[in-house]
Amino acid sequence: MTNFSSNPGNGSQGGGFGQRVDQIGSDAQQLWSDARGAVTDLRDTMDLKGRVERNPYMMMVAAFGVGYVLGGGLFTRTTARVIRLGVRLAALPIVKDELLGMAEAAIRGYETTASRAADVTGAGGTDPRETQA
């Protein structure tokens, strides 16, 4: 709550208002100083300069992403399309692995059947179809 004190005797304001303005000014300077210190601490903790030097393209992508989200692009049709595309691309390796597994199992099954047929024909020395004829 702000207190303004005035001297009703002569219609001029006393030192109370000036002191309050000075207090607000010093509080603002303190807040500014604290904010700058917090930003400096955050920058030092995250090592942004080192990250940019080590991986500049990834940092550009990160900056683009942060700007896109802060700019209100999160709930747009374009974002929904990109997310759908990302899900499809993420699912591709899973589908590919499943298809390869099924193909390998089919090939193994075919090889097993072929080797059993070869064992049957090779065990008696003759083809069982020839003995029936």
C-alpha atoms as a PDB file:
ATOM      1  CA  MET A   1       0.000   0.000   0.000  1.00  0.00           C
ATOM      2  CA  THR A   2       1.347   3.435  -0.886  1.00  0.00           C
ATOM      3  CA  ASN A   3       1.303   6.164   1.688  1.00  0.00           C
ATOM      4  CA  PHE A   4       1.446   9.736   0.523  1.00  0.00           C
ATOM      5  CA  SER A   5       1.965  12.216   3.244  1.00  0.00           C
ATOM      6  CA  SER A   6       1.373  15.873   2.693  1.00  0.00           C
ATOM      7  CA  ASN A   7       1.550  18.964   4.800  1.00  0.00           C
ATOM      8  CA  PRO A   8      -1.989  20.328   4.857  1.00  0.00           C
ATOM      9  CA  GLY A   9      -0.816  23.622   6.289  1.00  0.00           C
ATOM     10  CA  ASN A  10       0.808  25.030   3.149  1.00  0.00           C
ATOM     11  CA  GLY A  11      -0.633  22.734   0.434  1.00  0.00           C
ATOM     12  CA  SER A  12       2.799  21.338  -0.523  1.00  0.00           C
ATOM     13  CA  GLN A  13       3.861  17.754  -0.201  1.00  0.00           C
ATOM     14  CA  GLY A  14       6.442  16.817   2.366  1.00  0.00           C
ATOM     15  CA  GLY A  15       9.351  14.380   2.200  1.00  0.00           C
ATOM     16  CA  GLY A  16       7.113  11.246   2.341  1.00  0.00           C
ATOM     17  CA  PHE A  17       6.312  11.176  -1.374  1.00  0.00           C
ATOM     18  CA  GLY A  18       9.915  11.840  -2.405  1.00  0.00           C
ATOM     19  CA  GLN A  19      11.148   9.132  -0.100  1.00  0.00           C
ATOM     20  CA  ARG A  20       8.660   6.692  -1.592  1.00  0.00           C
ATOM     21  CA  VAL A  21       9.815   7.530  -5.130  1.00  0.00           C
ATOM     22  CA  ASP A  22      13.422   7.035  -4.064  1.00  0.00           C
ATOM     23  CA  GLN A  23      12.497   3.696  -2.474  1.00  0.00           C
ATOM     24  CA  ILE A  24      10.730   2.551  -5.654  1.00  0.00           C
ATOM     25  CA  GLY A  25      13.764   3.589  -7.710  1.00  0.00           C
ATOM     26  CA  SER A  26      16.177   1.686  -5.493  1.00  0.00           C
ATOM     27  CA  ASP A  27      13.857  -1.358  -5.505  1.00  0.00           C
ATOM     28  CA  ALA A  28      13.751  -1.240  -9.309  1.00  0.00           C
ATOM     29  CA  GLN A  29      17.553  -1.048  -9.468  1.00  0.00           C
ATOM     30  CA  GLN A  30      17.827  -3.998  -7.103  1.00  0.00           C
ATOM     31  CA  LEU A  31      15.340  -5.987  -9.182  1.00  0.00           C
ATOM     32  CA  TRP A  32      17.260  -5.156 -12.373  1.00  0.00           C
ATOM     33  CA  SER A  33      20.526  -6.183 -10.742  1.00  0.00           C
ATOM     34  CA  ASP A  34      19.024  -9.464  -9.499  1.00  0.00           C
ATOM     35  CA  ALA A  35      17.574 -10.236 -12.929  1.00  0.00           C
ATOM     36  CA  ARG A  36      20.910  -9.602 -14.654  1.00  0.00           C
ATOM     37  CA  GLY A  37      22.629 -11.829 -12.099  1.00  0.00           C
ATOM     38  CA  ALA A  38      20.093 -14.604 -12.689  1.00  0.00           C
ATOM     39  CA  VAL A  39      20.543 -14.391 -16.464  1.00  0.00           C
ATOM     40  CA  THR A  40      24.324 -14.469 -16.077  1.00  0.00           C
ATOM     41  CA  ASP A  41      24.108 -17.478 -13.759  1.00  0.00           C
ATOM     42  CA  LEU A  42      21.794 -19.261 -16.183  1.00  0.00           C
ATOM     43  CA  ARG A  43      24.088 -18.508 -19.111  1.00  0.00           C
ATOM     44  CA  ASP A  44      27.107 -19.780 -17.191  1.00  0.00           C
ATOM     45  CA  THR A  45      25.260 -22.899 -16.044  1.00  0.00           C
ATOM     46  CA  MET A  46      23.988 -23.794 -19.511  1.00  0.00           C
ATOM     47  CA  ASP A  47      27.306 -22.868 -21.172  1.00  0.00           C
ATOM     48  CA  LEU A  48      25.483 -21.394 -24.152  1.00  0.00           C
ATOM     49  CA  LYS A  49      28.613 -19.986 -25.751  1.00  0.00           C
ATOM     50  CA  GLY A  50      30.361 -23.364 -25.598  1.00  0.00           C
ATOM     51  CA  ARG A  51      27.293 -25.169 -26.933  1.00  0.00           C
ATOM     52  CA  VAL A  52      27.025 -22.769 -29.864  1.00  0.00           C
ATOM     53  CA  GLU A  53      30.709 -23.268 -30.665  1.00  0.00           C
ATOM     54  CA  ARG A  54      30.440 -27.068 -30.456  1.00  0.00           C
ATOM     55  CA  ASN A  55      27.135 -27.495 -32.278  1.00  0.00           C
ATOM     56  CA  PRO A  56      25.967 -24.301 -34.017  1.00  0.00           C
ATOM     57  CA  TYR A  57      23.303 -25.889 -36.237  1.00  0.00           C
ATOM     58  CA  MET A  58      21.578 -27.661 -33.394  1.00  0.00           C
ATOM     59  CA  MET A  59      21.508 -24.427 -31.403  1.00  0.00           C
ATOM     60  CA  MET A  60      19.936 -22.657 -34.390  1.00  0.00           C
ATOM     61  CA  VAL A  61      17.261 -25.349 -34.533  1.00  0.00           C
ATOM     62  CA  ALA A  62      16.691 -24.999 -30.783  1.00  0.00           C
ATOM     63  CA  ALA A  63      16.402 -21.213 -31.089  1.00  0.00           C
ATOM     64  CA  PHE A  64      13.935 -21.629 -33.969  1.00  0.00           C
ATOM     65  CA  GLY A  65      11.879 -24.065 -31.891  1.00  0.00           C
ATOM     66  CA  VAL A  66      11.789 -21.784 -28.865  1.00  0.00           C
ATOM     67  CA  GLY A  67      10.810 -18.832 -31.051  1.00  0.00           C
ATOM     68  CA  TYR A  68       8.118 -20.883 -32.773  1.00  0.00           C
ATOM     69  CA  VAL A  69       6.583 -21.933 -29.470  1.00  0.00           C
ATOM     70  CA  LEU A  70       6.826 -18.472 -27.909  1.00  0.00           C
ATOM     71  CA  GLY A  71       5.415 -16.942 -31.092  1.00  0.00           C
ATOM     72  CA  GLY A  72       2.213 -18.943 -30.699  1.00  0.00           C
ATOM     73  CA  GLY A  73       2.893 -21.598 -33.300  1.00  0.00           C
ATOM     74  CA  LEU A  74       2.300 -24.513 -30.951  1.00  0.00           C
ATOM     75  CA  PHE A  75      -1.450 -24.878 -31.583  1.00  0.00           C
ATOM     76  CA  THR A  76      -1.598 -24.397 -35.334  1.00  0.00           C
ATOM     77  CA  ARG A  77      -2.483 -26.653 -38.237  1.00  0.00           C
ATOM     78  CA  THR A  78       1.148 -26.674 -39.347  1.00  0.00           C
ATOM     79  CA  THR A  79       2.274 -27.999 -35.980  1.00  0.00           C
ATOM     80  CA  ALA A  80      -0.326 -30.763 -36.124  1.00  0.00           C
ATOM     81  CA  ARG A  81       0.943 -31.789 -39.563  1.00  0.00           C
ATOM     82  CA  VAL A  82       4.555 -31.793 -38.415  1.00  0.00           C
ATOM     83  CA  ILE A  83       3.688 -33.900 -35.370  1.00  0.00           C
ATOM     84  CA  ARG A  84       1.790 -36.410 -37.524  1.00  0.00           C
ATOM     85  CA  LEU A  85       4.747 -36.640 -39.893  1.00  0.00           C
ATOM     86  CA  GLY A  86       7.102 -37.113 -36.939  1.00  0.00           C
ATOM     87  CA  VAL A  87       4.986 -39.933 -35.548  1.00  0.00           C
ATOM     88  CA  ARG A  88       4.940 -41.660 -38.932  1.00  0.00           C
ATOM     89  CA  LEU A  89       8.693 -41.298 -39.308  1.00  0.00           C
ATOM     90  CA  ALA A  90       9.244 -42.585 -35.776  1.00  0.00           C
ATOM     91  CA  ALA A  91       7.048 -45.612 -36.523  1.00  0.00           C
ATOM     92  CA  LEU A  92       8.955 -46.533 -39.703  1.00  0.00           C
ATOM     93  CA  PRO A  93      11.836 -48.349 -37.950  1.00  0.00           C
ATOM     94  CA  ILE A  94       9.381 -50.347 -35.839  1.00  0.00           C
ATOM     95  CA  VAL A  95       7.368 -51.428 -38.892  1.00  0.00           C
ATOM     96  CA  LYS A  96      10.561 -52.172 -40.830  1.00  0.00           C
ATOM     97  CA  ASP A  97      11.887 -54.386 -38.018  1.00  0.00           C
ATOM     98  CA  GLU A  98       8.590 -56.280 -37.830  1.00  0.00           C
ATOM     99  CA  LEU A  99       8.512 -56.853 -41.596  1.00  0.00           C
ATOM    100  CA  LEU A 100      12.133 -58.012 -41.633  1.00  0.00           C
ATOM    101  CA  GLY A 101      11.426 -60.376 -38.745  1.00  0.00           C
ATOM    102  CA  MET A 102       8.454 -61.853 -40.582  1.00  0.00           C
ATOM    103  CA  ALA A 103      10.501 -62.253 -43.784  1.00  0.00           C
ATOM    104  CA  GLU A 104      13.367 -63.938 -41.903  1.00  0.00           C
ATOM    105  CA  ALA A 105      10.931 -66.315 -40.210  1.00  0.00           C
ATOM    106  CA  ALA A 106       9.376 -67.187 -43.574  1.00  0.00           C
ATOM    107  CA  ILE A 107      12.812 -67.836 -45.110  1.00  0.00           C
ATOM    108  CA  ARG A 108      13.856 -70.009 -42.152  1.00  0.00           C
ATOM    109  CA  GLY A 109      10.594 -71.942 -42.444  1.00  0.00           C
ATOM    110  CA  TYR A 110      11.182 -72.494 -46.150  1.00  0.00           C
ATOM    111  CA  GLU A 111      14.798 -73.588 -45.530  1.00  0.00           C
ATOM    112  CA  THR A 112      13.697 -75.985 -42.782  1.00  0.00           C
ATOM    113  CA  THR A 113      11.057 -77.528 -45.017  1.00  0.00           C
ATOM    114  CA  ALA A 114      13.529 -77.828 -47.899  1.00  0.00           C
ATOM    115  CA  SER A 115      16.181 -79.466 -45.691  1.00  0.00           C
ATOM    116  CA  ARG A 116      13.653 -81.977 -44.293  1.00  0.00           C
ATOM    117  CA  ALA A 117      12.616 -82.890 -47.816  1.00  0.00           C
ATOM    118  CA  ALA A 118      16.279 -83.338 -48.758  1.00  0.00           C
ATOM    119  CA  ASP A 119      16.840 -85.545 -45.692  1.00  0.00           C
ATOM    120  CA  VAL A 120      13.903 -87.751 -46.598  1.00  0.00           C
ATOM    121  CA  THR A 121      15.070 -88.194 -50.192  1.00  0.00           C
ATOM    122  CA  GLY A 122      18.714 -88.630 -49.184  1.00  0.00           C
ATOM    123  CA  ALA A 123      18.139 -91.172 -46.375  1.00  0.00           C
ATOM    124  CA  GLY A 124      16.846 -94.046 -48.498  1.00  0.00           C
ATOM    125  CA  GLY A 125      18.998 -93.249 -51.459  1.00  0.00           C
ATOM    126  CA  THR A 126      15.992 -93.030 -53.687  1.00  0.00           C
ATOM    127  CA  ASP A 127      13.191 -90.625 -54.076  1.00  0.00           C
ATOM    128  CA  PRO A 128      10.039 -91.961 -52.361  1.00  0.00           C
ATOM    129  CA  ARG A 129       8.040 -90.946 -55.431  1.00  0.00           C
ATOM    130  CA  GLU A 130      10.110 -93.280 -57.575  1.00  0.00           C
ATOM    131  CA  THR A 131       9.383 -96.330 -55.361  1.00  0.00           C
ATOM    132  CA  GLN A 132       5.673 -95.871 -55.653  1.00  0.00           C
ATOM    133  CA  ALA A 133       5.756 -95.909 -59.419  1.00  0.00           C
END
